[in-house]
Amino acid sequence: MEIVMAVTVGFLYAAALYMMLRRSIVKLVIGLVLLSNAANLLIFTAAGMVRGAPPLIYPGELLPPGVSADPLAQALILTAIVIGFGVLAFAVVLIHRAYEVVGADDMDQMKDTDT
């Protein structure tokens, strides 16, 4: 299963790089979202894909019983999702405003912003 996830992460990174190198600013933001998702999957895969119980320590014990999931990777990914959503919302508003001012989403046409 980890091989499939590694190939998926590589494909997402490649697609993100391809989209970010396009001239359209909308494709740049789509590439940014793909890059964020690829990083989240990379963290998830690197933490180990173990199906386990929640890491709860019962009273009187020192360790969780049996195999448990890694809470650190889950917390990092959840934080990254929230931050990525905030960046995406800001980028969409910025693109909308830039399109209103310039009238195009092409990066070459946005170089001359003096109107």
PDB file of N, CA and C in Angstrom:
ATOM      1  N   MET A   1       0.820  -1.201   0.000  1.00  0.00           N
ATOM      2  CA  MET A   1       0.000   0.000   0.000  1.00  0.00           C
ATOM      3  C   MET A   1       0.861   1.261   0.000  1.00  0.00           C
ATOM      4  N   GLU A   2       2.045   1.172   0.652  1.00  0.00           N
ATOM      5  CA  GLU A   2       2.899   2.356   0.700  1.00  0.00           C
ATOM      6  C   GLU A   2       3.491   2.690  -0.670  1.00  0.00           C
ATOM      7  N   ILE A   3       3.663   1.688  -1.512  1.00  0.00           N
ATOM      8  CA  ILE A   3       4.170   1.939  -2.867  1.00  0.00           C
ATOM      9  C   ILE A   3       3.141   2.749  -3.660  1.00  0.00           C
ATOM     10  N   VAL A   4       1.884   2.387  -3.524  1.00  0.00           N
ATOM     11  CA  VAL A   4       0.814   3.117  -4.226  1.00  0.00           C
ATOM     12  C   VAL A   4       0.754   4.557  -3.729  1.00  0.00           C
ATOM     13  N   MET A   5       0.891   4.746  -2.421  1.00  0.00           N
ATOM     14  CA  MET A   5       0.867   6.106  -1.869  1.00  0.00           C
ATOM     15  C   MET A   5       2.089   6.912  -2.328  1.00  0.00           C
ATOM     16  N   ALA A   6       3.247   6.267  -2.410  1.00  0.00           N
ATOM     17  CA  ALA A   6       4.449   6.967  -2.869  1.00  0.00           C
ATOM     18  C   ALA A   6       4.300   7.410  -4.320  1.00  0.00           C
ATOM     19  N   VAL A   7       3.743   6.549  -5.163  1.00  0.00           N
ATOM     20  CA  VAL A   7       3.513   6.919  -6.562  1.00  0.00           C
ATOM     21  C   VAL A   7       2.480   8.041  -6.660  1.00  0.00           C
ATOM     22  N   THR A   8       1.446   7.965  -5.830  1.00  0.00           N
ATOM     23  CA  THR A   8       0.419   9.015  -5.827  1.00  0.00           C
ATOM     24  C   THR A   8       1.001  10.358  -5.400  1.00  0.00           C
ATOM     25  N   VAL A   9       1.838  10.344  -4.370  1.00  0.00           N
ATOM     26  CA  VAL A   9       2.490  11.579  -3.915  1.00  0.00           C
ATOM     27  C   VAL A   9       3.381  12.141  -5.016  1.00  0.00           C
ATOM     28  N   GLY A  10       4.145  11.288  -5.679  1.00  0.00           N
ATOM     29  CA  GLY A  10       4.999  11.740  -6.777  1.00  0.00           C
ATOM     30  C   GLY A  10       4.196  12.319  -7.922  1.00  0.00           C
ATOM     31  N   PHE A  11       3.088  11.675  -8.254  1.00  0.00           N
ATOM     32  CA  PHE A  11       2.222  12.188  -9.310  1.00  0.00           C
ATOM     33  C   PHE A  11       1.632  13.542  -8.928  1.00  0.00           C
ATOM     34  N   LEU A  12       1.200  13.690  -7.679  1.00  0.00           N
ATOM     35  CA  LEU A  12       0.636  14.974  -7.239  1.00  0.00           C
ATOM     36  C   LEU A  12       1.684  16.084  -7.262  1.00  0.00           C
ATOM     37  N   TYR A  13       2.916  15.772  -6.830  1.00  0.00           N
ATOM     38  CA  TYR A  13       3.981  16.774  -6.901  1.00  0.00           C
ATOM     39  C   TYR A  13       4.274  17.170  -8.345  1.00  0.00           C
ATOM     40  N   ALA A  14       4.315  16.193  -9.237  1.00  0.00           N
ATOM     41  CA  ALA A  14       4.584  16.487 -10.646  1.00  0.00           C
ATOM     42  C   ALA A  14       3.461  17.325 -11.253  1.00  0.00           C
ATOM     43  N   ALA A  15       2.214  16.960 -10.965  1.00  0.00           N
ATOM     44  CA  ALA A  15       1.077  17.730 -11.487  1.00  0.00           C
ATOM     45  C   ALA A  15       1.064  19.136 -10.908  1.00  0.00           C
ATOM     46  N   ALA A  16       1.422  19.278  -9.632  1.00  0.00           N
ATOM     47  CA  ALA A  16       1.459  20.603  -9.011  1.00  0.00           C
ATOM     48  C   ALA A  16       2.530  21.477  -9.657  1.00  0.00           C
ATOM     49  N   LEU A  17       3.694  20.904  -9.887  1.00  0.00           N
ATOM     50  CA  LEU A  17       4.760  21.674 -10.534  1.00  0.00           C
ATOM     51  C   LEU A  17       4.366  22.085 -11.943  1.00  0.00           C
ATOM     52  N   TYR A  18       3.752  21.162 -12.666  1.00  0.00           N
ATOM     53  CA  TYR A  18       3.304  21.470 -14.028  1.00  0.00           C
ATOM     54  C   TYR A  18       2.280  22.609 -14.017  1.00  0.00           C
ATOM     55  N   MET A  19       1.318  22.541 -13.105  1.00  0.00           N
ATOM     56  CA  MET A  19       0.284  23.582 -13.046  1.00  0.00           C
ATOM     57  C   MET A  19       0.861  24.924 -12.601  1.00  0.00           C
ATOM     58  N   MET A  20       1.836  24.895 -11.706  1.00  0.00           N
ATOM     59  CA  MET A  20       2.404  26.146 -11.212  1.00  0.00           C
ATOM     60  C   MET A  20       3.295  26.833 -12.253  1.00  0.00           C
ATOM     61  N   LEU A  21       3.741  26.097 -13.252  1.00  0.00           N
ATOM     62  CA  LEU A  21       4.564  26.692 -14.306  1.00  0.00           C
ATOM     63  C   LEU A  21       3.746  27.233 -15.477  1.00  0.00           C
ATOM     64  N   ARG A  22       2.445  27.106 -15.435  1.00  0.00           N
ATOM     65  CA  ARG A  22       1.574  27.643 -16.485  1.00  0.00           C
ATOM     66  C   ARG A  22       1.466  29.159 -16.327  1.00  0.00           C
ATOM     67  N   ARG A  23       1.009  29.836 -17.382  1.00  0.00           N
ATOM     68  CA  ARG A  23       0.914  31.304 -17.345  1.00  0.00           C
ATOM     69  C   ARG A  23      -0.354  31.802 -16.682  1.00  0.00           C
ATOM     70  N   SER A  24      -1.367  30.983 -16.568  1.00  0.00           N
ATOM     71  CA  SER A  24      -2.628  31.404 -15.970  1.00  0.00           C
ATOM     72  C   SER A  24      -2.512  31.396 -14.447  1.00  0.00           C
ATOM     73  N   ILE A  25      -2.989  32.454 -13.823  1.00  0.00           N
ATOM     74  CA  ILE A  25      -2.901  32.540 -12.367  1.00  0.00           C
ATOM     75  C   ILE A  25      -3.875  31.579 -11.685  1.00  0.00           C
ATOM     76  N   VAL A  26      -4.960  31.220 -12.363  1.00  0.00           N
ATOM     77  CA  VAL A  26      -5.890  30.238 -11.804  1.00  0.00           C
ATOM     78  C   VAL A  26      -5.212  28.864 -11.746  1.00  0.00           C
ATOM     79  N   LYS A  27      -4.470  28.522 -12.782  1.00  0.00           N
ATOM     80  CA  LYS A  27      -3.741  27.252 -12.782  1.00  0.00           C
ATOM     81  C   LYS A  27      -2.632  27.255 -11.736  1.00  0.00           C
ATOM     82  N   LEU A  28      -2.081  28.421 -11.446  1.00  0.00           N
ATOM     83  CA  LEU A  28      -1.083  28.539 -10.397  1.00  0.00           C
ATOM     84  C   LEU A  28      -1.681  28.182  -9.040  1.00  0.00           C
ATOM     85  N   VAL A  29      -2.879  28.651  -8.779  1.00  0.00           N
ATOM     86  CA  VAL A  29      -3.534  28.349  -7.503  1.00  0.00           C
ATOM     87  C   VAL A  29      -3.937  26.874  -7.436  1.00  0.00           C
ATOM     88  N   ILE A  30      -4.391  26.310  -8.552  1.00  0.00           N
ATOM     89  CA  ILE A  30      -4.704  24.873  -8.569  1.00  0.00           C
ATOM     90  C   ILE A  30      -3.439  24.067  -8.274  1.00  0.00           C
ATOM     91  N   GLY A  31      -2.313  24.478  -8.819  1.00  0.00           N
ATOM     92  CA  GLY A  31      -1.043  23.821  -8.522  1.00  0.00           C
ATOM     93  C   GLY A  31      -0.661  23.961  -7.061  1.00  0.00           C
ATOM     94  N   LEU A  32      -0.960  25.104  -6.471  1.00  0.00           N
ATOM     95  CA  LEU A  32      -0.681  25.308  -5.047  1.00  0.00           C
ATOM     96  C   LEU A  32      -1.518  24.366  -4.179  1.00  0.00           C
ATOM     97  N   VAL A  33      -2.773  24.166  -4.552  1.00  0.00           N
ATOM     98  CA  VAL A  33      -3.642  23.239  -3.817  1.00  0.00           C
ATOM     99  C   VAL A  33      -3.132  21.808  -3.969  1.00  0.00           C
ATOM    100  N   LEU A  34      -2.729  21.425  -5.179  1.00  0.00           N
ATOM    101  CA  LEU A  34      -2.182  20.084  -5.396  1.00  0.00           C
ATOM    102  C   LEU A  34      -0.895  19.875  -4.599  1.00  0.00           C
ATOM    103  N   LEU A  35      -0.078  20.909  -4.520  1.00  0.00           N
ATOM    104  CA  LEU A  35       1.161  20.820  -3.756  1.00  0.00           C
ATOM    105  C   LEU A  35       0.873  20.623  -2.275  1.00  0.00           C
ATOM    106  N   SER A  36      -0.126  21.323  -1.770  1.00  0.00           N
ATOM    107  CA  SER A  36      -0.524  21.182  -0.372  1.00  0.00           C
ATOM    108  C   SER A  36      -1.039  19.773  -0.086  1.00  0.00           C
ATOM    109  N   ASN A  37      -1.863  19.250  -0.990  1.00  0.00           N
ATOM    110  CA  ASN A  37      -2.387  17.896  -0.803  1.00  0.00           C
ATOM    111  C   ASN A  37      -1.278  16.852  -0.895  1.00  0.00           C
ATOM    112  N   ALA A  38      -0.315  17.074  -1.771  1.00  0.00           N
ATOM    113  CA  ALA A  38       0.801  16.133  -1.885  1.00  0.00           C
ATOM    114  C   ALA A  38       1.638  16.130  -0.603  1.00  0.00           C
ATOM    115  N   ALA A  39       1.854  17.292  -0.025  1.00  0.00           N
ATOM    116  CA  ALA A  39       2.611  17.362   1.223  1.00  0.00           C
ATOM    117  C   ALA A  39       1.866  16.663   2.361  1.00  0.00           C
ATOM    118  N   ASN A  40       0.541  16.828   2.400  1.00  0.00           N
ATOM    119  CA  ASN A  40      -0.249  16.144   3.425  1.00  0.00           C
ATOM    120  C   ASN A  40      -0.168  14.631   3.266  1.00  0.00           C
ATOM    121  N   LEU A  41      -0.278  14.149   2.044  1.00  0.00           N
ATOM    122  CA  LEU A  41      -0.170  12.704   1.814  1.00  0.00           C
ATOM    123  C   LEU A  41       1.229  12.178   2.132  1.00  0.00           C
ATOM    124  N   LEU A  42       2.244  13.000   1.884  1.00  0.00           N
ATOM    125  CA  LEU A  42       3.610  12.596   2.204  1.00  0.00           C
ATOM    126  C   LEU A  42       3.781  12.431   3.709  1.00  0.00           C
ATOM    127  N   ILE A  43       3.256  13.371   4.494  1.00  0.00           N
ATOM    128  CA  ILE A  43       3.328  13.261   5.956  1.00  0.00           C
ATOM    129  C   ILE A  43       2.562  12.031   6.430  1.00  0.00           C
ATOM    130  N   PHE A  44       1.387  11.821   5.851  1.00  0.00           N
ATOM    131  CA  PHE A  44       0.558  10.677   6.229  1.00  0.00           C
ATOM    132  C   PHE A  44       1.258   9.362   5.924  1.00  0.00           C
ATOM    133  N   THR A  45       1.904   9.283   4.769  1.00  0.00           N
ATOM    134  CA  THR A  45       2.591   8.056   4.371  1.00  0.00           C
ATOM    135  C   THR A  45       3.861   7.842   5.197  1.00  0.00           C
ATOM    136  N   ALA A  46       4.587   8.926   5.474  1.00  0.00           N
ATOM    137  CA  ALA A  46       5.829   8.799   6.241  1.00  0.00           C
ATOM    138  C   ALA A  46       5.565   8.382   7.691  1.00  0.00           C
ATOM    139  N   ALA A  47       4.398   8.732   8.223  1.00  0.00           N
ATOM    140  CA  ALA A  47       4.064   8.356   9.596  1.00  0.00           C
ATOM    141  C   ALA A  47       3.739   6.875   9.718  1.00  0.00           C
ATOM    142  N   GLY A  48       3.516   6.225   8.625  1.00  0.00           N
ATOM    143  CA  GLY A  48       3.192   4.802   8.656  1.00  0.00           C
ATOM    144  C   GLY A  48       1.697   4.595   8.570  1.00  0.00           C
ATOM    145  N   MET A  49       1.324   3.738   7.677  1.00  0.00           N
ATOM    146  CA  MET A  49      -0.103   3.486   7.468  1.00  0.00           C
ATOM    147  C   MET A  49      -0.496   2.252   8.267  1.00  0.00           C
ATOM    148  N   VAL A  50      -0.813   2.477   9.521  1.00  0.00           N
ATOM    149  CA  VAL A  50      -1.197   1.399  10.420  1.00  0.00           C
ATOM    150  C   VAL A  50      -2.628   1.639  10.853  1.00  0.00           C
ATOM    151  N   ARG A  51      -3.459   0.644  10.646  1.00  0.00           N
ATOM    152  CA  ARG A  51      -4.834   0.751  11.114  1.00  0.00           C
ATOM    153  C   ARG A  51      -4.832   0.326  12.575  1.00  0.00           C
ATOM    154  N   GLY A  52      -5.081   1.283  13.448  1.00  0.00           N
ATOM    155  CA  GLY A  52      -5.026   0.974  14.866  1.00  0.00           C
ATOM    156  C   GLY A  52      -6.065   1.747  15.646  1.00  0.00           C
ATOM    157  N   ALA A  53      -6.098   1.466  16.903  1.00  0.00           N
ATOM    158  CA  ALA A  53      -7.043   2.126  17.801  1.00  0.00           C
ATOM    159  C   ALA A  53      -6.552   3.535  18.112  1.00  0.00           C
ATOM    160  N   PRO A  54      -7.425   4.392  18.630  1.00  0.00           N
ATOM    161  CA  PRO A  54      -6.969   5.720  19.037  1.00  0.00           C
ATOM    162  C   PRO A  54      -5.978   5.600  20.201  1.00  0.00           C
ATOM    163  N   PRO A  55      -5.026   6.506  20.269  1.00  0.00           N
ATOM    164  CA  PRO A  55      -3.972   6.393  21.291  1.00  0.00           C
ATOM    165  C   PRO A  55      -4.456   6.869  22.664  1.00  0.00           C
ATOM    166  N   LEU A  56      -5.360   6.142  23.270  1.00  0.00           N
ATOM    167  CA  LEU A  56      -5.875   6.486  24.585  1.00  0.00           C
ATOM    168  C   LEU A  56      -5.194   5.631  25.643  1.00  0.00           C
ATOM    169  N   ILE A  57      -4.747   6.282  26.706  1.00  0.00           N
ATOM    170  CA  ILE A  57      -4.112   5.576  27.815  1.00  0.00           C
ATOM    171  C   ILE A  57      -5.134   5.486  28.938  1.00  0.00           C
ATOM    172  N   TYR A  58      -5.470   4.288  29.293  1.00  0.00           N
ATOM    173  CA  TYR A  58      -6.473   4.073  30.335  1.00  0.00           C
ATOM    174  C   TYR A  58      -5.855   4.269  31.710  1.00  0.00           C
ATOM    175  N   PRO A  59      -6.670   4.592  32.726  1.00  0.00           N
ATOM    176  CA  PRO A  59      -6.136   4.816  34.081  1.00  0.00           C
ATOM    177  C   PRO A  59      -5.395   3.578  34.604  1.00  0.00           C
ATOM    178  N   GLY A  60      -4.233   3.831  35.171  1.00  0.00           N
ATOM    179  CA  GLY A  60      -3.435   2.758  35.731  1.00  0.00           C
ATOM    180  C   GLY A  60      -2.465   2.115  34.758  1.00  0.00           C
ATOM    181  N   GLU A  61      -2.452   2.542  33.465  1.00  0.00           N
ATOM    182  CA  GLU A  61      -1.539   1.980  32.474  1.00  0.00           C
ATOM    183  C   GLU A  61      -0.542   3.042  32.029  1.00  0.00           C
ATOM    184  N   LEU A  62       0.577   2.576  31.505  1.00  0.00           N
ATOM    185  CA  LEU A  62       1.610   3.501  31.037  1.00  0.00           C
ATOM    186  C   LEU A  62       1.587   3.699  29.528  1.00  0.00           C
ATOM    187  N   LEU A  63       1.081   2.714  28.786  1.00  0.00           N
ATOM    188  CA  LEU A  63       1.050   2.769  27.325  1.00  0.00           C
ATOM    189  C   LEU A  63      -0.343   2.418  26.834  1.00  0.00           C
ATOM    190  N   PRO A  64      -0.677   2.874  25.636  1.00  0.00           N
ATOM    191  CA  PRO A  64      -1.954   2.445  25.061  1.00  0.00           C
ATOM    192  C   PRO A  64      -1.927   0.950  24.757  1.00  0.00           C
ATOM    193  N   PRO A  65      -3.036   0.256  24.903  1.00  0.00           N
ATOM    194  CA  PRO A  65      -3.047  -1.181  24.630  1.00  0.00           C
ATOM    195  C   PRO A  65      -3.000  -1.464  23.126  1.00  0.00           C
ATOM    196  N   GLY A  66      -2.146  -2.381  22.731  1.00  0.00           N
ATOM    197  CA  GLY A  66      -2.087  -2.808  21.336  1.00  0.00           C
ATOM    198  C   GLY A  66      -1.489  -1.759  20.405  1.00  0.00           C
ATOM    199  N   VAL A  67      -1.804  -1.909  19.138  1.00  0.00           N
ATOM    200  CA  VAL A  67      -1.312  -0.990  18.108  1.00  0.00           C
ATOM    201  C   VAL A  67      -2.205   0.240  18.080  1.00  0.00           C
ATOM    202  N   SER A  68      -1.568   1.410  18.086  1.00  0.00           N
ATOM    203  CA  SER A  68      -2.363   2.643  18.042  1.00  0.00           C
ATOM    204  C   SER A  68      -1.854   3.536  16.920  1.00  0.00           C
ATOM    205  N   ALA A  69      -2.727   4.406  16.460  1.00  0.00           N
ATOM    206  CA  ALA A  69      -2.383   5.340  15.384  1.00  0.00           C
ATOM    207  C   ALA A  69      -1.504   6.456  15.933  1.00  0.00           C
ATOM    208  N   ASP A  70      -0.685   7.048  15.069  1.00  0.00           N
ATOM    209  CA  ASP A  70       0.220   8.122  15.473  1.00  0.00           C
ATOM    210  C   ASP A  70      -0.545   9.446  15.501  1.00  0.00           C
ATOM    211  N   PRO A  71      -0.735  10.055  16.660  1.00  0.00           N
ATOM    212  CA  PRO A  71      -1.522  11.295  16.719  1.00  0.00           C
ATOM    213  C   PRO A  71      -0.770  12.518  16.204  1.00  0.00           C
ATOM    214  N   LEU A  72       0.560  12.488  16.208  1.00  0.00           N
ATOM    215  CA  LEU A  72       1.328  13.653  15.764  1.00  0.00           C
ATOM    216  C   LEU A  72       1.120  13.922  14.277  1.00  0.00           C
ATOM    217  N   ALA A  73       1.178  12.888  13.471  1.00  0.00           N
ATOM    218  CA  ALA A  73       0.973  13.062  12.026  1.00  0.00           C
ATOM    219  C   ALA A  73      -0.441  13.552  11.740  1.00  0.00           C
ATOM    220  N   GLN A  74      -1.408  13.031  12.465  1.00  0.00           N
ATOM    221  CA  GLN A  74      -2.790  13.473  12.263  1.00  0.00           C
ATOM    222  C   GLN A  74      -2.954  14.937  12.631  1.00  0.00           C
ATOM    223  N   ALA A  75      -2.316  15.372  13.720  1.00  0.00           N
ATOM    224  CA  ALA A  75      -2.404  16.771  14.126  1.00  0.00           C
ATOM    225  C   ALA A  75      -1.716  17.687  13.116  1.00  0.00           C
ATOM    226  N   LEU A  76      -0.565  17.263  12.602  1.00  0.00           N
ATOM    227  CA  LEU A  76       0.135  18.066  11.593  1.00  0.00           C
ATOM    228  C   LEU A  76      -0.684  18.207  10.315  1.00  0.00           C
ATOM    229  N   ILE A  77      -1.287  17.112   9.880  1.00  0.00           N
ATOM    230  CA  ILE A  77      -2.079  17.155   8.655  1.00  0.00           C
ATOM    231  C   ILE A  77      -3.322  18.012   8.843  1.00  0.00           C
ATOM    232  N   LEU A  78      -3.976  17.886   9.986  1.00  0.00           N
ATOM    233  CA  LEU A  78      -5.161  18.706  10.240  1.00  0.00           C
ATOM    234  C   LEU A  78      -4.811  20.188  10.254  1.00  0.00           C
ATOM    235  N   THR A  79      -3.691  20.533  10.871  1.00  0.00           N
ATOM    236  CA  THR A  79      -3.238  21.927  10.877  1.00  0.00           C
ATOM    237  C   THR A  79      -2.906  22.392   9.468  1.00  0.00           C
ATOM    238  N   ALA A  80      -2.261  21.551   8.688  1.00  0.00           N
ATOM    239  CA  ALA A  80      -1.904  21.915   7.313  1.00  0.00           C
ATOM    240  C   ALA A  80      -3.144  22.101   6.444  1.00  0.00           C
ATOM    241  N   ILE A  81      -4.180  21.310   6.676  1.00  0.00           N
ATOM    242  CA  ILE A  81      -5.420  21.465   5.912  1.00  0.00           C
ATOM    243  C   ILE A  81      -6.062  22.809   6.206  1.00  0.00           C
ATOM    244  N   VAL A  82      -6.098  23.181   7.475  1.00  0.00           N
ATOM    245  CA  VAL A  82      -6.712  24.463   7.858  1.00  0.00           C
ATOM    246  C   VAL A  82      -5.916  25.634   7.287  1.00  0.00           C
ATOM    247  N   ILE A  83      -4.603  25.573   7.384  1.00  0.00           N
ATOM    248  CA  ILE A  83      -3.766  26.644   6.836  1.00  0.00           C
ATOM    249  C   ILE A  83      -3.889  26.702   5.318  1.00  0.00           C
ATOM    250  N   GLY A  84      -3.920  25.543   4.671  1.00  0.00           N
ATOM    251  CA  GLY A  84      -4.080  25.501   3.217  1.00  0.00           C
ATOM    252  C   GLY A  84      -5.404  26.086   2.765  1.00  0.00           C
ATOM    253  N   PHE A  85      -6.465  25.837   3.530  1.00  0.00           N
ATOM    254  CA  PHE A  85      -7.761  26.419   3.177  1.00  0.00           C
ATOM    255  C   PHE A  85      -7.728  27.939   3.309  1.00  0.00           C
ATOM    256  N   GLY A  86      -7.059  28.444   4.336  1.00  0.00           N
ATOM    257  CA  GLY A  86      -6.929  29.898   4.496  1.00  0.00           C
ATOM    258  C   GLY A  86      -6.137  30.526   3.361  1.00  0.00           C
ATOM    259  N   VAL A  87      -5.055  29.878   2.961  1.00  0.00           N
ATOM    260  CA  VAL A  87      -4.247  30.386   1.843  1.00  0.00           C
ATOM    261  C   VAL A  87      -5.048  30.346   0.547  1.00  0.00           C
ATOM    262  N   LEU A  88      -5.820  29.276   0.350  1.00  0.00           N
ATOM    263  CA  LEU A  88      -6.640  29.166  -0.855  1.00  0.00           C
ATOM    264  C   LEU A  88      -7.698  30.265  -0.897  1.00  0.00           C
ATOM    265  N   ALA A  89      -8.360  30.528   0.226  1.00  0.00           N
ATOM    266  CA  ALA A  89      -9.371  31.580   0.261  1.00  0.00           C
ATOM    267  C   ALA A  89      -8.747  32.945  -0.042  1.00  0.00           C
ATOM    268  N   PHE A  90      -7.575  33.214   0.531  1.00  0.00           N
ATOM    269  CA  PHE A  90      -6.891  34.479   0.255  1.00  0.00           C
ATOM    270  C   PHE A  90      -6.490  34.573  -1.207  1.00  0.00           C
ATOM    271  N   ALA A  91      -5.993  33.476  -1.781  1.00  0.00           N
ATOM    272  CA  ALA A  91      -5.559  33.488  -3.181  1.00  0.00           C
ATOM    273  C   ALA A  91      -6.734  33.699  -4.120  1.00  0.00           C
ATOM    274  N   VAL A  92      -7.883  33.107  -3.809  1.00  0.00           N
ATOM    275  CA  VAL A  92      -9.056  33.289  -4.672  1.00  0.00           C
ATOM    276  C   VAL A  92      -9.508  34.742  -4.655  1.00  0.00           C
ATOM    277  N   VAL A  93      -9.510  35.369  -3.487  1.00  0.00           N
ATOM    278  CA  VAL A  93      -9.888  36.785  -3.400  1.00  0.00           C
ATOM    279  C   VAL A  93      -8.868  37.647  -4.133  1.00  0.00           C
ATOM    280  N   LEU A  94      -7.596  37.321  -3.994  1.00  0.00           N
ATOM    281  CA  LEU A  94      -6.541  38.073  -4.678  1.00  0.00           C
ATOM    282  C   LEU A  94      -6.645  37.933  -6.194  1.00  0.00           C
ATOM    283  N   ILE A  95      -6.948  36.731  -6.674  1.00  0.00           N
ATOM    284  CA  ILE A  95      -7.127  36.515  -8.111  1.00  0.00           C
ATOM    285  C   ILE A  95      -8.325  37.299  -8.623  1.00  0.00           C
ATOM    286  N   HIS A  96      -9.407  37.270  -7.864  1.00  0.00           N
ATOM    287  CA  HIS A  96     -10.616  38.004  -8.286  1.00  0.00           C
ATOM    288  C   HIS A  96     -10.325  39.497  -8.404  1.00  0.00           C
ATOM    289  N   ARG A  97      -9.627  40.041  -7.431  1.00  0.00           N
ATOM    290  CA  ARG A  97      -9.297  41.474  -7.465  1.00  0.00           C
ATOM    291  C   ARG A  97      -8.325  41.786  -8.612  1.00  0.00           C
ATOM    292  N   ALA A  98      -7.349  40.929  -8.825  1.00  0.00           N
ATOM    293  CA  ALA A  98      -6.394  41.156  -9.919  1.00  0.00           C
ATOM    294  C   ALA A  98      -7.088  41.074 -11.269  1.00  0.00           C
ATOM    295  N   TYR A  99      -8.049  40.165 -11.397  1.00  0.00           N
ATOM    296  CA  TYR A  99      -8.787  40.055 -12.651  1.00  0.00           C
ATOM    297  C   TYR A  99      -9.651  41.287 -12.885  1.00  0.00           C
ATOM    298  N   GLU A 100     -10.225  41.843 -11.822  1.00  0.00           N
ATOM    299  CA  GLU A 100     -11.015  43.070 -11.970  1.00  0.00           C
ATOM    300  C   GLU A 100     -10.144  44.232 -12.427  1.00  0.00           C
ATOM    301  N   VAL A 101      -8.934  44.330 -11.909  1.00  0.00           N
ATOM    302  CA  VAL A 101      -8.055  45.455 -12.236  1.00  0.00           C
ATOM    303  C   VAL A 101      -7.446  45.286 -13.619  1.00  0.00           C
ATOM    304  N   VAL A 102      -6.894  44.125 -13.908  1.00  0.00           N
ATOM    305  CA  VAL A 102      -6.162  43.902 -15.158  1.00  0.00           C
ATOM    306  C   VAL A 102      -7.084  43.465 -16.282  1.00  0.00           C
ATOM    307  N   GLY A 103      -8.078  42.638 -15.968  1.00  0.00           N
ATOM    308  CA  GLY A 103      -8.995  42.156 -16.991  1.00  0.00           C
ATOM    309  C   GLY A 103      -8.557  40.864 -17.652  1.00  0.00           C
ATOM    310  N   ALA A 104      -7.515  40.232 -17.114  1.00  0.00           N
ATOM    311  CA  ALA A 104      -7.040  38.960 -17.662  1.00  0.00           C
ATOM    312  C   ALA A 104      -6.371  38.185 -16.547  1.00  0.00           C
ATOM    313  N   ASP A 105      -6.264  36.877 -16.741  1.00  0.00           N
ATOM    314  CA  ASP A 105      -5.572  36.075 -15.729  1.00  0.00           C
ATOM    315  C   ASP A 105      -4.222  35.577 -16.226  1.00  0.00           C
ATOM    316  N   ASP A 106      -3.746  36.125 -17.331  1.00  0.00           N
ATOM    317  CA  ASP A 106      -2.450  35.749 -17.887  1.00  0.00           C
ATOM    318  C   ASP A 106      -1.344  36.502 -17.153  1.00  0.00           C
ATOM    319  N   MET A 107      -0.306  35.794 -16.749  1.00  0.00           N
ATOM    320  CA  MET A 107       0.778  36.411 -15.984  1.00  0.00           C
ATOM    321  C   MET A 107       1.546  37.453 -16.803  1.00  0.00           C
ATOM    322  N   ASP A 108       1.662  37.235 -18.114  1.00  0.00           N
ATOM    323  CA  ASP A 108       2.377  38.206 -18.945  1.00  0.00           C
ATOM    324  C   ASP A 108       1.625  39.523 -19.033  1.00  0.00           C
ATOM    325  N   GLN A 109       0.311  39.466 -19.046  1.00  0.00           N
ATOM    326  CA  GLN A 109      -0.475  40.693 -19.102  1.00  0.00           C
ATOM    327  C   GLN A 109      -0.534  41.387 -17.752  1.00  0.00           C
ATOM    328  N   MET A 110      -0.228  40.693 -16.688  1.00  0.00           N
ATOM    329  CA  MET A 110      -0.252  41.300 -15.357  1.00  0.00           C
ATOM    330  C   MET A 110       1.053  42.020 -15.027  1.00  0.00           C
ATOM    331  N   LYS A 111       2.041  41.910 -15.886  1.00  0.00           N
ATOM    332  CA  LYS A 111       3.309  42.617 -15.611  1.00  0.00           C
ATOM    333  C   LYS A 111       3.116  44.119 -15.676  1.00  0.00           C
ATOM    334  N   ASP A 112       2.292  44.588 -16.606  1.00  0.00           N
ATOM    335  CA  ASP A 112       2.035  46.020 -16.732  1.00  0.00           C
ATOM    336  C   ASP A 112       0.734  46.324 -16.000  1.00  0.00           C
ATOM    337  N   THR A 113       0.850  46.714 -14.735  1.00  0.00           N
ATOM    338  CA  THR A 113      -0.332  46.979 -13.932  1.00  0.00           C
ATOM    339  C   THR A 113      -0.666  48.466 -13.856  1.00  0.00           C
ATOM    340  N   ASP A 114       0.125  49.307 -14.502  1.00  0.00           N
ATOM    341  CA  ASP A 114      -0.169  50.745 -14.491  1.00  0.00           C
ATOM    342  C   ASP A 114      -1.311  51.032 -15.455  1.00  0.00           C
ATOM    343  N   THR A 115      -2.479  51.294 -14.896  1.00  0.00           N
ATOM    344  CA  THR A 115      -3.634  51.603 -15.746  1.00  0.00           C
ATOM    345  C   THR A 115      -4.160  52.967 -15.431  1.00  0.00           C
TER     346      THR A 115
END
